[in-house]
C-alpha atoms as a PDB file:
ATOM      1  CA  MET A   1     -19.692  -2.187   3.993  1.00  0.00           C
ATOM      2  CA  GLY A   2     -19.468   1.627   4.020  1.00  0.00           C
ATOM      3  CA  LEU A   3     -16.869   4.078   5.159  1.00  0.00           C
ATOM      4  CA  GLU A   4     -17.353   7.731   6.347  1.00  0.00           C
ATOM      5  CA  PHE A   5     -15.570  10.384   4.568  1.00  0.00           C
ATOM      6  CA  GLU A   6     -15.204  14.144   4.724  1.00  0.00           C
ATOM      7  CA  THR A   7     -13.741  16.868   2.542  1.00  0.00           C
ATOM      8  CA  CYS A   8     -12.017  20.109   3.337  1.00  0.00           C
ATOM      9  CA  ASP A   9     -10.146  22.968   1.615  1.00  0.00           C
ATOM     10  CA  VAL A  10      -6.550  23.513   2.658  1.00  0.00           C
ATOM     11  CA  PHE A  11      -4.296  26.669   2.715  1.00  0.00           C
ATOM     12  CA  THR A  12      -7.367  28.712   2.700  1.00  0.00           C
ATOM     13  CA  THR A  13      -9.624  30.598   5.342  1.00  0.00           C
ATOM     14  CA  THR A  14     -12.480  30.753   2.629  1.00  0.00           C
ATOM     15  CA  ARG A  15     -14.668  27.721   1.723  1.00  0.00           C
ATOM     16  CA  HIS A  16     -14.162  26.790  -2.075  1.00  0.00           C
ATOM     17  CA  GLY A  17     -10.615  28.329  -2.074  1.00  0.00           C
ATOM     18  CA  GLY A  18      -7.379  26.644  -1.452  1.00  0.00           C
ATOM     19  CA  ASN A  19      -6.937  22.990  -2.291  1.00  0.00           C
ATOM     20  CA  PRO A  20      -9.797  20.426  -1.849  1.00  0.00           C
ATOM     21  CA  LEU A  21      -8.967  17.286  -0.028  1.00  0.00           C
ATOM     22  CA  ALA A  22     -11.040  14.060   0.568  1.00  0.00           C
ATOM     23  CA  ILE A  23     -10.214  11.947   3.811  1.00  0.00           C
ATOM     24  CA  VAL A  24     -11.651   8.570   4.110  1.00  0.00           C
ATOM     25  CA  GLN A  25     -11.871   6.956   7.549  1.00  0.00           C
ATOM     26  CA  GLY A  26     -11.497   3.359   8.699  1.00  0.00           C
ATOM     27  CA  ALA A  27      -9.503   2.319   5.498  1.00  0.00           C
ATOM     28  CA  ALA A  28      -7.415  -0.454   6.957  1.00  0.00           C
ATOM     29  CA  ALA A  29      -9.376  -3.074   5.051  1.00  0.00           C
ATOM     30  CA  LEU A  30      -8.984  -1.555   1.688  1.00  0.00           C
ATOM     31  CA  ASP A  31      -6.416  -2.798  -0.820  1.00  0.00           C
ATOM     32  CA  ALA A  32      -4.321  -0.418  -2.815  1.00  0.00           C
ATOM     33  CA  ASP A  33      -6.289  -0.919  -6.006  1.00  0.00           C
ATOM     34  CA  LEU A  34      -9.566  -0.107  -4.305  1.00  0.00           C
ATOM     35  CA  MET A  35      -7.846   3.144  -2.748  1.00  0.00           C
ATOM     36  CA  GLN A  36      -6.876   4.148  -6.203  1.00  0.00           C
ATOM     37  CA  ALA A  37     -10.394   3.630  -7.584  1.00  0.00           C
ATOM     38  CA  ILE A  38     -11.947   5.707  -4.977  1.00  0.00           C
ATOM     39  CA  ALA A  39      -9.391   8.434  -5.363  1.00  0.00           C
ATOM     40  CA  ARG A  40     -10.318   8.522  -9.005  1.00  0.00           C
ATOM     41  CA  GLU A  41     -14.119   8.724  -8.004  1.00  0.00           C
ATOM     42  CA  PHE A  42     -13.358  11.697  -5.730  1.00  0.00           C
ATOM     43  CA  ASN A  43     -11.304  13.314  -8.739  1.00  0.00           C
ATOM     44  CA  LEU A  44      -9.458  15.718  -6.393  1.00  0.00           C
ATOM     45  CA  SER A  45      -5.581  16.188  -6.525  1.00  0.00           C
ATOM     46  CA  GLU A  46      -5.325  13.950  -3.544  1.00  0.00           C
ATOM     47  CA  THR A  47      -7.270  11.486  -1.383  1.00  0.00           C
ATOM     48  CA  VAL A  48      -6.221  10.451   2.134  1.00  0.00           C
ATOM     49  CA  PHE A  49      -6.983   6.996   3.608  1.00  0.00           C
ATOM     50  CA  ILE A  50      -6.781   6.818   7.372  1.00  0.00           C
ATOM     51  CA  LEU A  51      -5.630   3.223   8.131  1.00  0.00           C
ATOM     52  CA  ALA A  52      -5.558   3.551  12.041  1.00  0.00           C
ATOM     53  CA  GLU A  53      -5.766   6.338  14.619  1.00  0.00           C
ATOM     54  CA  ASP A  54      -5.124   6.609  18.134  1.00  0.00           C
ATOM     55  CA  ALA A  55      -6.239   9.626  20.317  1.00  0.00           C
ATOM     56  CA  ALA A  56      -4.140   8.495  23.342  1.00  0.00           C
ATOM     57  CA  THR A  57      -0.979   8.922  21.372  1.00  0.00           C
ATOM     58  CA  ALA A  58      -2.248  11.434  18.995  1.00  0.00           C
ATOM     59  CA  SER A  59      -1.217   9.625  15.818  1.00  0.00           C
ATOM     60  CA  ALA A  60      -2.565   7.886  12.831  1.00  0.00           C
ATOM     61  CA  ARG A  61      -1.360   5.921   9.813  1.00  0.00           C
ATOM     62  CA  ILE A  62      -2.393   7.255   6.370  1.00  0.00           C
ATOM     63  CA  ARG A  63      -1.788   6.452   2.653  1.00  0.00           C
ATOM     64  CA  ILE A  64      -2.137   9.330   0.011  1.00  0.00           C
ATOM     65  CA  PHE A  65      -3.326   8.789  -3.697  1.00  0.00           C
ATOM     66  CA  THR A  66      -3.755  11.036  -6.487  1.00  0.00           C
ATOM     67  CA  THR A  67      -6.186  10.133  -9.318  1.00  0.00           C
ATOM     68  CA  ALA A  68      -3.279   8.145 -10.917  1.00  0.00           C
ATOM     69  CA  ARG A  69      -0.742   6.965  -8.246  1.00  0.00           C
ATOM     70  CA  GLU A  70       0.108   6.632  -4.583  1.00  0.00           C
ATOM     71  CA  LEU A  71       2.389   9.383  -2.941  1.00  0.00           C
ATOM     72  CA  PRO A  72       4.718   8.677  -0.213  1.00  0.00           C
ATOM     73  CA  PHE A  73       4.241  12.146   1.257  1.00  0.00           C
ATOM     74  CA  ALA A  74       2.219  15.395   0.338  1.00  0.00           C
ATOM     75  CA  GLY A  75       1.748  18.655   2.001  1.00  0.00           C
ATOM     76  CA  HIS A  76      -1.803  19.685   1.701  1.00  0.00           C
ATOM     77  CA  PRO A  77      -3.119  16.193   2.705  1.00  0.00           C
ATOM     78  CA  ASN A  78      -1.143  16.070   5.771  1.00  0.00           C
ATOM     79  CA  VAL A  79      -2.134  19.681   6.684  1.00  0.00           C
ATOM     80  CA  GLY A  80      -5.827  19.054   5.935  1.00  0.00           C
ATOM     81  CA  THR A  81      -5.832  15.620   7.675  1.00  0.00           C
ATOM     82  CA  ALA A  82      -4.129  16.878  10.772  1.00  0.00           C
ATOM     83  CA  VAL A  83      -6.683  19.618  11.395  1.00  0.00           C
ATOM     84  CA  MET A  84      -9.722  17.412  10.474  1.00  0.00           C
ATOM     85  CA  LEU A  85      -8.510  14.412  12.440  1.00  0.00           C
ATOM     86  CA  ALA A  86      -7.717  16.491  15.592  1.00  0.00           C
ATOM     87  CA  ARG A  87     -11.265  17.900  15.524  1.00  0.00           C
ATOM     88  CA  ARG A  88     -12.778  14.603  15.130  1.00  0.00           C
ATOM     89  CA  MET A  89     -10.783  12.862  17.934  1.00  0.00           C
ATOM     90  CA  ALA A  90     -11.247  15.885  20.003  1.00  0.00           C
ATOM     91  CA  LEU A  91      -7.485  16.194  20.649  1.00  0.00           C
ATOM     92  CA  GLY A  92      -6.594  18.499  23.658  1.00  0.00           C
ATOM     93  CA  GLY A  93      -2.903  18.985  22.815  1.00  0.00           C
ATOM     94  CA  ASP A  94      -1.147  20.806  19.967  1.00  0.00           C
ATOM     95  CA  ARG A  95       0.592  17.877  18.244  1.00  0.00           C
ATOM     96  CA  LEU A  96      -0.399  15.086  15.944  1.00  0.00           C
ATOM     97  CA  THR A  97       1.712  12.490  14.135  1.00  0.00           C
ATOM     98  CA  LEU A  98       0.881  11.157  10.824  1.00  0.00           C
ATOM     99  CA  HIS A  99       2.822   7.936   9.708  1.00  0.00           C
ATOM    100  CA  GLN A 100       3.077   7.553   6.022  1.00  0.00           C
ATOM    101  CA  PRO A 101       5.539   5.649   3.530  1.00  0.00           C
ATOM    102  CA  ALA A 102       7.925   8.580   3.517  1.00  0.00           C
ATOM    103  CA  GLY A 103       8.214   8.554   7.263  1.00  0.00           C
ATOM    104  CA  PRO A 104       6.482  10.289  10.177  1.00  0.00           C
ATOM    105  CA  VAL A 105       5.012  13.832   9.855  1.00  0.00           C
ATOM    106  CA  ASP A 106       4.667  15.780  12.942  1.00  0.00           C
ATOM    107  CA  ALA A 107       1.876  18.503  12.847  1.00  0.00           C
ATOM    108  CA  ARG A 108       1.567  21.608  15.026  1.00  0.00           C
ATOM    109  CA  LEU A 109      -1.932  22.586  15.479  1.00  0.00           C
ATOM    110  CA  THR A 110      -3.294  26.116  15.848  1.00  0.00           C
ATOM    111  CA  ARG A 111      -6.640  26.812  17.580  1.00  0.00           C
ATOM    112  CA  ASP A 112      -8.913  29.926  17.344  1.00  0.00           C
ATOM    113  CA  ALA A 113     -10.085  31.818  20.473  1.00  0.00           C
ATOM    114  CA  GLY A 114     -12.677  29.031  21.251  1.00  0.00           C
ATOM    115  CA  GLY A 115     -10.289  26.402  21.202  1.00  0.00           C
ATOM    116  CA  LEU A 116     -11.144  24.791  17.625  1.00  0.00           C
ATOM    117  CA  VAL A 117      -8.317  23.550  15.515  1.00  0.00           C
ATOM    118  CA  THR A 118      -8.252  25.700  12.410  1.00  0.00           C
ATOM    119  CA  ALA A 119      -4.731  25.399  11.063  1.00  0.00           C
ATOM    120  CA  ALA A 120      -1.550  23.077  11.099  1.00  0.00           C
ATOM    121  CA  GLU A 121       1.959  23.362  10.229  1.00  0.00           C
ATOM    122  CA  ILE A 122       4.061  20.214   9.248  1.00  0.00           C
ATOM    123  CA  THR A 123       7.677  19.571   8.891  1.00  0.00           C
ATOM    124  CA  ALA A 124       8.595  17.525   5.668  1.00  0.00           C
ATOM    125  CA  PRO A 125       9.652  13.996   6.644  1.00  0.00           C
ATOM    126  CA  GLN A 126      12.991  14.054   5.037  1.00  0.00           C
ATOM    127  CA  PRO A 127      15.650  16.737   4.722  1.00  0.00           C
ATOM    128  CA  PHE A 128      15.889  18.743   1.518  1.00  0.00           C
ATOM    129  CA  ALA A 129      17.804  16.814  -1.268  1.00  0.00           C
ATOM    130  CA  LEU A 130      19.062  18.255  -4.491  1.00  0.00           C
ATOM    131  CA  LEU A 131      18.686  15.416  -6.908  1.00  0.00           C
ATOM    132  CA  GLY A 132      20.349  17.140  -9.913  1.00  0.00           C
ATOM    133  CA  PRO A 133      20.060  19.584 -12.897  1.00  0.00           C
ATOM    134  CA  LEU A 134      17.298  19.215 -15.567  1.00  0.00           C
ATOM    135  CA  ALA A 135      17.340  20.428 -19.122  1.00  0.00           C
ATOM    136  CA  ALA A 136      15.869  24.038 -19.351  1.00  0.00           C
ATOM    137  CA  ALA A 137      14.566  23.616 -22.863  1.00  0.00           C
ATOM    138  CA  GLY A 138      12.766  20.400 -22.084  1.00  0.00           C
ATOM    139  CA  LEU A 139      11.274  21.762 -18.946  1.00  0.00           C
ATOM    140  CA  ALA A 140      10.340  24.996 -20.754  1.00  0.00           C
ATOM    141  CA  ALA A 141       8.481  22.752 -23.318  1.00  0.00           C
ATOM    142  CA  CYS A 142       6.657  20.796 -20.577  1.00  0.00           C
ATOM    143  CA  ALA A 143       5.144  24.283 -19.290  1.00  0.00           C
ATOM    144  CA  GLY A 144       4.503  25.608 -22.853  1.00  0.00           C
ATOM    145  CA  LEU A 145       6.985  28.346 -22.494  1.00  0.00           C
ATOM    146  CA  PRO A 146       9.700  29.763 -24.588  1.00  0.00           C
ATOM    147  CA  GLY A 147      12.199  29.791 -21.747  1.00  0.00           C
ATOM    148  CA  LEU A 148      12.917  29.802 -17.938  1.00  0.00           C
ATOM    149  CA  VAL A 149      15.103  31.744 -15.548  1.00  0.00           C
ATOM    150  CA  GLY A 150      18.327  29.790 -14.746  1.00  0.00           C
ATOM    151  CA  GLU A 151      18.697  26.027 -14.431  1.00  0.00           C
ATOM    152  CA  PRO A 152      15.791  23.903 -13.433  1.00  0.00           C
ATOM    153  CA  VAL A 153      16.401  21.252 -10.867  1.00  0.00           C
ATOM    154  CA  LEU A 154      15.112  18.134  -9.404  1.00  0.00           C
ATOM    155  CA  ALA A 155      14.712  18.297  -5.698  1.00  0.00           C
ATOM    156  CA  SER A 156      12.842  16.639  -2.912  1.00  0.00           C
ATOM    157  CA  CYS A 157      11.792  16.760   0.789  1.00  0.00           C
ATOM    158  CA  GLY A 158      10.302  13.190   0.653  1.00  0.00           C
ATOM    159  CA  THR A 159       8.619  13.543  -2.855  1.00  0.00           C
ATOM    160  CA  PRO A 160      10.565  14.515  -6.042  1.00  0.00           C
ATOM    161  CA  PHE A 161       9.592  17.564  -8.102  1.00  0.00           C
ATOM    162  CA  ALA A 162      11.133  19.578 -10.825  1.00  0.00           C
ATOM    163  CA  ILE A 163      11.429  23.225  -9.881  1.00  0.00           C
ATOM    164  CA  ALA A 164      11.957  26.157 -12.308  1.00  0.00           C
ATOM    165  CA  GLU A 165      11.757  29.843 -12.094  1.00  0.00           C
ATOM    166  CA  VAL A 166       9.999  32.058 -14.656  1.00  0.00           C
ATOM    167  CA  GLU A 167      10.513  35.822 -15.332  1.00  0.00           C
ATOM    168  CA  ASP A 168       7.385  37.208 -13.931  1.00  0.00           C
ATOM    169  CA  PRO A 169       3.648  36.749 -13.072  1.00  0.00           C
ATOM    170  CA  ALA A 170       2.603  37.426 -16.682  1.00  0.00           C
ATOM    171  CA  THR A 171       4.775  34.843 -17.971  1.00  0.00           C
ATOM    172  CA  LEU A 172       3.594  32.384 -15.225  1.00  0.00           C
ATOM    173  CA  ALA A 173      -0.127  32.982 -16.126  1.00  0.00           C
ATOM    174  CA  THR A 174       0.578  31.659 -19.669  1.00  0.00           C
ATOM    175  CA  ALA A 175       2.103  28.376 -18.722  1.00  0.00           C
ATOM    176  CA  ALA A 176       0.177  25.317 -19.689  1.00  0.00           C
ATOM    177  CA  PRO A 177       1.167  21.770 -19.313  1.00  0.00           C
ATOM    178  CA  ASP A 178       2.144  19.572 -22.348  1.00  0.00           C
ATOM    179  CA  ALA A 179       1.617  15.987 -21.618  1.00  0.00           C
ATOM    180  CA  ALA A 180       3.706  14.744 -24.594  1.00  0.00           C
ATOM    181  CA  ALA A 181       6.761  17.028 -23.399  1.00  0.00           C
ATOM    182  CA  PHE A 182       6.245  15.641 -19.879  1.00  0.00           C
ATOM    183  CA  ARG A 183       6.403  12.020 -21.158  1.00  0.00           C
ATOM    184  CA  GLU A 184       9.638  13.120 -23.037  1.00  0.00           C
ATOM    185  CA  TRP A 185      11.484  15.144 -20.503  1.00  0.00           C
ATOM    186  CA  LEU A 186       9.709  14.641 -17.060  1.00  0.00           C
ATOM    187  CA  PRO A 187       8.117  11.182 -16.867  1.00  0.00           C
ATOM    188  CA  ALA A 188       6.256  10.296 -13.651  1.00  0.00           C
ATOM    189  CA  THR A 189       9.209   7.729 -12.554  1.00  0.00           C
ATOM    190  CA  LEU A 190      11.552  10.858 -12.316  1.00  0.00           C
ATOM    191  CA  ALA A 191       9.235  13.429 -10.521  1.00  0.00           C
ATOM    192  CA  VAL A 192       5.688  13.817  -9.526  1.00  0.00           C
ATOM    193  CA  GLY A 193       5.374  17.103 -11.493  1.00  0.00           C
ATOM    194  CA  LEU A 194       6.940  20.597 -12.208  1.00  0.00           C
ATOM    195  CA  LEU A 195       6.746  23.579  -9.971  1.00  0.00           C
ATOM    196  CA  LEU A 196       7.000  26.964 -11.540  1.00  0.00           C
ATOM    197  CA  TYR A 197       7.626  29.955  -9.494  1.00  0.00           C
ATOM    198  CA  THR A 198       8.278  33.716  -9.795  1.00  0.00           C
ATOM    199  CA  ARG A 199       9.138  36.404  -7.258  1.00  0.00           C
ATOM    200  CA  LEU A 200       6.484  39.008  -6.231  1.00  0.00           C
ATOM    201  CA  GLY A 201       8.711  40.519  -3.411  1.00  0.00           C
ATOM    202  CA  PRO A 202      11.549  39.532  -1.121  1.00  0.00           C
ATOM    203  CA  ASP A 203       9.501  37.043   0.845  1.00  0.00           C
ATOM    204  CA  LEU A 204       6.569  36.496  -1.452  1.00  0.00           C
ATOM    205  CA  LEU A 205       6.468  33.864  -4.361  1.00  0.00           C
ATOM    206  CA  ARG A 206       3.700  32.953  -6.619  1.00  0.00           C
ATOM    207  CA  ALA A 207       3.778  29.270  -7.925  1.00  0.00           C
ATOM    208  CA  ARG A 208       1.891  27.016 -10.232  1.00  0.00           C
ATOM    209  CA  MET A 209       2.331  23.079 -10.364  1.00  0.00           C
ATOM    210  CA  PHE A 210       1.606  20.842 -13.238  1.00  0.00           C
ATOM    211  CA  ALA A 211       1.556  16.934 -12.939  1.00  0.00           C
ATOM    212  CA  PRO A 212      -0.356  15.594 -15.892  1.00  0.00           C
ATOM    213  CA  LEU A 213       1.222  12.242 -15.682  1.00  0.00           C
ATOM    214  CA  SER A 214       0.222  11.777 -11.991  1.00  0.00           C
ATOM    215  CA  GLY A 215      -3.399  12.660 -12.784  1.00  0.00           C
ATOM    216  CA  VAL A 216      -3.147  16.280 -11.890  1.00  0.00           C
ATOM    217  CA  ALA A 217      -3.328  18.768 -14.680  1.00  0.00           C
ATOM    218  CA  GLU A 218      -2.855  21.587 -12.089  1.00  0.00           C
ATOM    219  CA  ASP A 219      -2.736  21.747  -8.509  1.00  0.00           C
ATOM    220  CA  PRO A 220      -4.225  24.798  -6.448  1.00  0.00           C
ATOM    221  CA  ALA A 221      -1.650  24.161  -3.575  1.00  0.00           C
ATOM    222  CA  THR A 222       1.425  21.835  -3.358  1.00  0.00           C
ATOM    223  CA  GLY A 223       2.811  21.514  -0.020  1.00  0.00           C
ATOM    224  CA  SER A 224       5.446  18.900  -1.003  1.00  0.00           C
ATOM    225  CA  ALA A 225       6.662  20.867  -4.143  1.00  0.00           C
ATOM    226  CA  ASN A 226       6.900  24.084  -1.957  1.00  0.00           C
ATOM    227  CA  VAL A 227       8.871  22.791   0.738  1.00  0.00           C
ATOM    228  CA  ALA A 228      11.321  21.411  -1.792  1.00  0.00           C
ATOM    229  CA  LEU A 229      11.375  24.868  -3.276  1.00  0.00           C
ATOM    230  CA  ALA A 230      12.071  26.609   0.155  1.00  0.00           C
ATOM    231  CA  GLY A 231      14.871  24.079   0.835  1.00  0.00           C
ATOM    232  CA  LEU A 232      16.270  24.790  -2.587  1.00  0.00           C
ATOM    233  CA  LEU A 233      16.273  28.630  -2.049  1.00  0.00           C
ATOM    234  CA  LEU A 234      17.972  28.244   1.322  1.00  0.00           C
ATOM    235  CA  HIS A 235      20.582  25.935  -0.226  1.00  0.00           C
ATOM    236  CA  ARG A 236      21.227  28.588  -2.840  1.00  0.00           C
ATOM    237  CA  LEU A 237      21.362  31.529  -0.383  1.00  0.00           C
ATOM    238  CA  GLY A 238      23.231  29.989   2.439  1.00  0.00           C
ATOM    239  CA  GLY A 239      22.569  31.048   5.777  1.00  0.00           C
ATOM    240  CA  GLU A 240      20.847  29.234   8.698  1.00  0.00           C
ATOM    241  CA  SER A 241      17.116  29.853   7.744  1.00  0.00           C
ATOM    242  CA  LEU A 242      14.393  31.615   5.761  1.00  0.00           C
ATOM    243  CA  ALA A 243      10.797  32.197   5.823  1.00  0.00           C
ATOM    244  CA  LEU A 244       8.505  33.161   2.926  1.00  0.00           C
ATOM    245  CA  LYS A 245       4.816  33.030   1.773  1.00  0.00           C
ATOM    246  CA  VAL A 246       3.758  31.327  -1.482  1.00  0.00           C
ATOM    247  CA  GLU A 247       0.598  32.045  -3.445  1.00  0.00           C
ATOM    248  CA  GLN A 248      -0.705  29.237  -5.666  1.00  0.00           C
ATOM    249  CA  GLY A 249      -3.913  28.442  -7.486  1.00  0.00           C
ATOM    250  CA  ILE A 250      -4.533  32.219  -8.504  1.00  0.00           C
ATOM    251  CA  GLU A 251      -4.908  31.156 -12.085  1.00  0.00           C
ATOM    252  CA  MET A 252      -7.302  28.454 -11.267  1.00  0.00           C
ATOM    253  CA  GLY A 253      -9.814  30.663  -9.254  1.00  0.00           C
ATOM    254  CA  ARG A 254      -8.679  28.826  -6.055  1.00  0.00           C
ATOM    255  CA  PRO A 255      -6.298  31.178  -4.279  1.00  0.00           C
ATOM    256  CA  SER A 256      -4.033  29.395  -1.709  1.00  0.00           C
ATOM    257  CA  ARG A 257      -1.663  30.797   0.788  1.00  0.00           C
ATOM    258  CA  LEU A 258       1.363  28.814   2.128  1.00  0.00           C
ATOM    259  CA  ALA A 259       3.504  29.620   4.881  1.00  0.00           C
ATOM    260  CA  LEU A 260       6.997  28.173   4.667  1.00  0.00           C
ATOM    261  CA  ALA A 261      10.128  28.036   6.908  1.00  0.00           C
ATOM    262  CA  ALA A 262      13.501  26.547   6.188  1.00  0.00           C
ATOM    263  CA  SER A 263      16.413  25.972   8.533  1.00  0.00           C
ATOM    264  CA  SER A 264      19.736  24.575   8.236  1.00  0.00           C
ATOM    265  CA  THR A 265      22.036  22.733  10.636  1.00  0.00           C
ATOM    266  CA  PRO A 266      25.213  20.633  10.040  1.00  0.00           C
ATOM    267  CA  ASP A 267      23.743  17.593  11.641  1.00  0.00           C
ATOM    268  CA  ARG A 268      20.168  17.590  10.281  1.00  0.00           C
ATOM    269  CA  GLY A 269      20.654  19.280   6.869  1.00  0.00           C
ATOM    270  CA  ILE A 270      17.907  21.561   5.446  1.00  0.00           C
ATOM    271  CA  ARG A 271      14.545  21.000   7.121  1.00  0.00           C
ATOM    272  CA  VAL A 272      11.416  22.681   5.717  1.00  0.00           C
ATOM    273  CA  SER A 273       7.987  23.238   7.242  1.00  0.00           C
ATOM    274  CA  VAL A 274       4.739  24.311   5.603  1.00  0.00           C
ATOM    275  CA  GLY A 275       1.503  25.531   7.251  1.00  0.00           C
ATOM    276  CA  GLY A 276      -1.861  26.861   6.523  1.00  0.00           C
ATOM    277  CA  SER A 277      -5.569  27.189   7.432  1.00  0.00           C
ATOM    278  CA  VAL A 278      -8.115  24.419   6.699  1.00  0.00           C
ATOM    279  CA  VAL A 279     -11.882  24.861   6.225  1.00  0.00           C
ATOM    280  CA  PRO A 280     -14.449  21.819   6.440  1.00  0.00           C
ATOM    281  CA  VAL A 281     -16.660  21.454   3.328  1.00  0.00           C
ATOM    282  CA  SER A 282     -18.676  18.250   3.431  1.00  0.00           C
ATOM    283  CA  GLN A 283     -19.057  14.825   4.949  1.00  0.00           C
ATOM    284  CA  GLY A 284     -20.754  11.539   3.872  1.00  0.00           C
ATOM    285  CA  ARG A 285     -20.494   7.793   3.457  1.00  0.00           C
ATOM    286  CA  LEU A 286     -19.002   5.707   0.761  1.00  0.00           C
ATOM    287  CA  ILE A 287     -20.990   2.691  -0.398  1.00  0.00           C
ATOM    288  CA  LEU A 288     -18.563  -0.338  -0.924  1.00  0.00           C
END
């Protein structure tokens, strides 16, 4: 038995930039242990397994694994899968729905002048949720920093992350994950990882995300963490909406660019979208 796979780079227009993603097709017969083993073999921040797909309804069922655990939702796997699956199924429309444990994720597709799908924007499956404050000293220790700006928090739009602001890009560049501090202050049962950010301008941020207990020492681009960040900023600022760009992966040599939009309504809460470009990289066959 063998399964086809493909890889792509997400949140970039340049091959070998952004965040790499593996997508395994026809994976309905695989159990969770084998999916986890395959994700470890790819050794990327995430691997997507497509359980079923239907071109007629422009939908698919997927599961997402890091090298260490399954995730209910993640941003770059949804953006990358939406683009690559839309291409492979030769979809004619501009929408695709990806069903996953956190809920259905609707992807809006962008095409180039020739009609080829090159980018996607997704809305996180759950509204922004502020889950509570975290100890600043503990979170600073997780990142190997002497201190943070303000109070770090735990927040989620389907996947929980710790979020903390640092003073400037120079401080952000010196951050490094400390696994022992993560085990003490931010265990994997509490959050997937820690997103640090700093402000480069009114609508431009730079971020880094560490998740050593989830098998990701550092991630080049983390959609699920950044949607929680955008939701948090709108929650704090008030108002009905905000739009911003986030740079990530700069320190890793894999520059990524994420476009985020958050909106708030009384009945739906704060909902957040993230989008970006996708570049195909490779394809092959797994031997099982």
